[in-house]
């Protein structure tokens, strides 16, 4: 299954890449910024680096969250 929504960072106006701690690298992570889900074209992800990269950097103070498949024993 998927994790519940997990905070993965706070926007600073320039950072676009966020790490998905505990992601098992499978499936497609879902991302939202300040509670609004991003469509797939608004971000990319790397299963090898366990990161998501947003097309546009979130505004300073914006909460970034994701949900994703987790590996055994790594659920946040």
N, C-alpha and C. Protein backbone atom coordinates (compact mmCIF):
# COMPACT_ATOMS: atom_id res chain seq x y z
N UNK A 1 0.81 -1.18 0.00
CA UNK A 1 0.00 0.00 0.00
C UNK A 1 0.85 1.25 0.00
N UNK A 2 0.14 2.35 0.00
CA UNK A 2 0.80 3.65 0.02
C UNK A 2 0.89 4.18 1.43
N UNK A 3 1.89 5.00 1.67
CA UNK A 3 1.99 5.70 2.95
C UNK A 3 0.83 6.69 3.04
N UNK A 4 0.51 7.16 4.23
CA UNK A 4 -0.35 8.34 4.30
C UNK A 4 0.46 9.51 3.74
N UNK A 5 -0.17 10.67 3.56
CA UNK A 5 0.59 11.83 3.09
C UNK A 5 1.68 12.14 4.12
N UNK A 6 2.91 12.26 3.64
CA UNK A 6 4.08 12.49 4.48
C UNK A 6 4.73 13.80 4.06
N UNK A 7 5.00 14.67 5.01
CA UNK A 7 5.72 15.91 4.70
C UNK A 7 7.13 15.59 4.25
N UNK A 8 7.53 16.13 3.09
CA UNK A 8 8.88 15.86 2.59
C UNK A 8 9.72 17.13 2.51
N UNK A 9 9.14 18.25 2.89
CA UNK A 9 9.92 19.48 2.90
C UNK A 9 9.06 20.72 2.88
N UNK A 10 9.72 21.84 2.97
CA UNK A 10 9.08 23.15 2.92
C UNK A 10 9.76 23.94 1.83
N UNK A 11 8.95 24.56 0.98
CA UNK A 11 9.50 25.35 -0.11
C UNK A 11 10.34 26.52 0.40
N UNK A 12 11.38 26.85 -0.37
CA UNK A 12 12.20 28.02 -0.05
C UNK A 12 12.30 28.95 -1.25
N UNK A 13 11.50 28.67 -2.28
CA UNK A 13 11.51 29.49 -3.48
C UNK A 13 12.52 29.07 -4.53
N UNK A 14 13.43 28.15 -4.18
CA UNK A 14 14.43 27.72 -5.16
C UNK A 14 14.61 26.20 -5.22
N UNK A 15 14.45 25.49 -4.11
CA UNK A 15 14.64 24.04 -4.10
C UNK A 15 13.48 23.34 -4.80
N UNK A 16 13.82 22.49 -5.77
CA UNK A 16 12.80 21.74 -6.49
C UNK A 16 12.85 20.24 -6.19
N UNK A 17 13.93 19.75 -5.60
CA UNK A 17 14.12 18.31 -5.40
C UNK A 17 13.96 17.94 -3.94
N UNK A 18 13.16 16.90 -3.70
CA UNK A 18 12.85 16.45 -2.35
C UNK A 18 13.03 14.93 -2.27
N UNK A 19 13.58 14.46 -1.15
CA UNK A 19 13.85 13.04 -0.95
C UNK A 19 12.64 12.34 -0.34
N UNK A 20 12.35 11.13 -0.84
CA UNK A 20 11.26 10.31 -0.33
C UNK A 20 11.84 9.23 0.58
N UNK A 21 12.00 9.55 1.85
CA UNK A 21 12.58 8.62 2.81
C UNK A 21 11.64 7.45 3.00
N UNK A 22 12.13 6.24 2.78
CA UNK A 22 11.34 5.03 2.96
C UNK A 22 10.68 4.52 1.70
N UNK A 23 10.74 5.29 0.61
CA UNK A 23 10.14 4.83 -0.65
C UNK A 23 10.91 3.60 -1.13
N UNK A 24 10.17 2.59 -1.60
CA UNK A 24 10.85 1.38 -2.08
C UNK A 24 11.25 1.50 -3.55
N UNK A 25 10.98 2.64 -4.18
CA UNK A 25 11.39 2.86 -5.56
C UNK A 25 10.41 2.32 -6.60
N UNK A 26 9.31 1.73 -6.15
CA UNK A 26 8.33 1.19 -7.10
C UNK A 26 7.11 2.11 -7.17
N UNK A 27 6.38 1.97 -8.25
CA UNK A 27 5.18 2.77 -8.42
C UNK A 27 5.51 4.23 -8.66
N UNK A 28 4.47 5.03 -8.78
CA UNK A 28 4.62 6.46 -9.01
C UNK A 28 4.22 7.22 -7.76
N UNK A 29 5.12 7.98 -7.19
CA UNK A 29 4.74 8.77 -6.01
C UNK A 29 3.75 9.86 -6.40
N UNK A 30 2.91 10.23 -5.45
CA UNK A 30 1.97 11.34 -5.63
C UNK A 30 2.50 12.50 -4.80
N UNK A 31 2.34 13.71 -5.33
CA UNK A 31 2.90 14.89 -4.67
C UNK A 31 1.83 15.97 -4.56
N UNK A 32 1.88 16.71 -3.46
CA UNK A 32 1.02 17.88 -3.33
C UNK A 32 1.80 19.01 -2.66
N UNK A 33 1.40 20.22 -2.99
CA UNK A 33 2.02 21.43 -2.42
C UNK A 33 0.90 22.24 -1.78
N UNK A 34 1.06 22.52 -0.50
CA UNK A 34 0.04 23.23 0.27
C UNK A 34 -1.34 22.60 0.10
N UNK A 35 -1.36 21.26 0.08
CA UNK A 35 -2.62 20.53 0.02
C UNK A 35 -3.20 20.33 -1.36
N UNK A 36 -2.60 20.90 -2.38
CA UNK A 36 -3.09 20.75 -3.75
C UNK A 36 -2.26 19.71 -4.49
N UNK A 37 -2.94 18.67 -5.00
CA UNK A 37 -2.24 17.61 -5.73
C UNK A 37 -1.69 18.15 -7.04
N UNK A 38 -0.46 17.74 -7.34
CA UNK A 38 0.18 18.12 -8.60
C UNK A 38 -0.10 17.07 -9.66
N UNK A 39 -0.47 17.48 -10.88
CA UNK A 39 -0.61 16.51 -11.96
C UNK A 39 0.77 15.95 -12.33
N UNK A 40 0.78 14.77 -12.92
CA UNK A 40 2.04 14.08 -13.24
C UNK A 40 3.01 14.95 -14.02
N UNK A 41 2.57 15.83 -14.89
CA UNK A 41 3.45 16.66 -15.69
C UNK A 41 4.14 17.77 -14.91
N UNK A 42 3.73 17.98 -13.66
CA UNK A 42 4.29 19.05 -12.84
C UNK A 42 5.49 18.59 -12.01
N UNK A 43 5.82 17.30 -12.07
CA UNK A 43 6.98 16.78 -11.34
C UNK A 43 7.49 15.52 -12.01
N UNK A 44 8.73 15.19 -11.74
CA UNK A 44 9.32 13.93 -12.18
C UNK A 44 9.87 13.23 -10.95
N UNK A 45 10.24 11.98 -11.11
CA UNK A 45 10.78 11.24 -9.97
C UNK A 45 11.90 10.33 -10.43
N UNK A 46 12.76 10.00 -9.48
CA UNK A 46 13.88 9.09 -9.74
C UNK A 46 13.82 7.95 -8.75
N UNK A 47 13.56 6.74 -9.26
CA UNK A 47 13.51 5.56 -8.39
C UNK A 47 14.90 5.23 -7.86
N UNK A 48 15.95 5.55 -8.61
CA UNK A 48 17.30 5.23 -8.15
C UNK A 48 17.77 6.20 -7.07
N UNK A 49 17.40 7.47 -7.19
CA UNK A 49 17.80 8.48 -6.20
C UNK A 49 16.78 8.63 -5.08
N UNK A 50 15.57 8.03 -5.28
CA UNK A 50 14.47 8.14 -4.30
C UNK A 50 14.08 9.60 -4.06
N UNK A 51 13.92 10.35 -5.17
CA UNK A 51 13.57 11.76 -5.08
C UNK A 51 12.43 12.10 -6.04
N UNK A 52 11.79 13.22 -5.77
CA UNK A 52 10.88 13.85 -6.72
C UNK A 52 11.43 15.24 -7.00
N UNK A 53 11.28 15.68 -8.24
CA UNK A 53 11.73 17.00 -8.64
C UNK A 53 10.54 17.73 -9.25
N UNK A 54 10.19 18.86 -8.66
CA UNK A 54 9.06 19.64 -9.12
C UNK A 54 9.47 20.51 -10.30
N UNK A 55 8.57 20.72 -11.23
CA UNK A 55 8.84 21.56 -12.39
C UNK A 55 9.14 22.99 -11.95
N UNK A 56 8.36 23.48 -10.98
CA UNK A 56 8.56 24.82 -10.44
C UNK A 56 8.85 24.71 -8.95
N UNK A 57 9.79 25.49 -8.47
CA UNK A 57 10.11 25.48 -7.04
C UNK A 57 8.91 26.03 -6.26
N UNK A 58 8.54 25.36 -5.17
CA UNK A 58 7.45 25.88 -4.35
C UNK A 58 7.85 27.20 -3.68
N UNK A 59 6.85 28.03 -3.45
CA UNK A 59 7.08 29.31 -2.79
C UNK A 59 7.65 29.10 -1.39
N UNK A 60 8.34 30.08 -0.91
CA UNK A 60 8.90 30.02 0.44
C UNK A 60 7.78 29.77 1.45
N UNK A 61 7.95 28.73 2.26
CA UNK A 61 6.98 28.38 3.28
C UNK A 61 5.93 27.38 2.84
N UNK A 62 5.86 27.04 1.55
CA UNK A 62 4.88 26.08 1.06
C UNK A 62 5.23 24.68 1.58
N UNK A 63 4.23 23.96 2.06
CA UNK A 63 4.44 22.60 2.55
C UNK A 63 4.36 21.61 1.40
N UNK A 64 5.38 20.77 1.26
CA UNK A 64 5.43 19.76 0.21
C UNK A 64 5.22 18.40 0.87
N UNK A 65 4.30 17.61 0.32
CA UNK A 65 4.00 16.29 0.88
C UNK A 65 3.90 15.28 -0.26
N UNK A 66 4.07 14.02 0.09
CA UNK A 66 3.97 12.96 -0.91
C UNK A 66 3.41 11.71 -0.25
N UNK A 67 2.92 10.81 -1.08
CA UNK A 67 2.62 9.46 -0.62
C UNK A 67 3.15 8.52 -1.68
N UNK A 68 3.59 7.35 -1.22
CA UNK A 68 4.34 6.46 -2.09
C UNK A 68 4.35 5.07 -1.49
N UNK A 69 4.80 4.12 -2.30
CA UNK A 69 4.95 2.75 -1.79
C UNK A 69 6.17 2.70 -0.88
N UNK A 70 6.04 1.96 0.20
CA UNK A 70 7.14 1.89 1.15
C UNK A 70 7.67 0.48 1.24
N UNK A 71 8.96 0.37 1.55
CA UNK A 71 9.59 -0.93 1.70
C UNK A 71 9.29 -1.53 3.07
N UNK A 72 9.47 -2.80 3.20
CA UNK A 72 9.20 -3.48 4.47
C UNK A 72 10.02 -2.85 5.59
N UNK A 73 9.35 -2.48 6.66
CA UNK A 73 10.04 -1.94 7.81
C UNK A 73 10.47 -0.49 7.69
N UNK A 74 10.07 0.18 6.60
CA UNK A 74 10.52 1.56 6.43
C UNK A 74 9.35 2.54 6.42
N UNK A 75 8.17 2.08 6.75
CA UNK A 75 7.02 2.99 6.72
C UNK A 75 7.22 4.14 7.68
N UNK A 76 7.02 5.38 7.17
CA UNK A 76 7.19 6.55 8.04
C UNK A 76 6.14 6.61 9.14
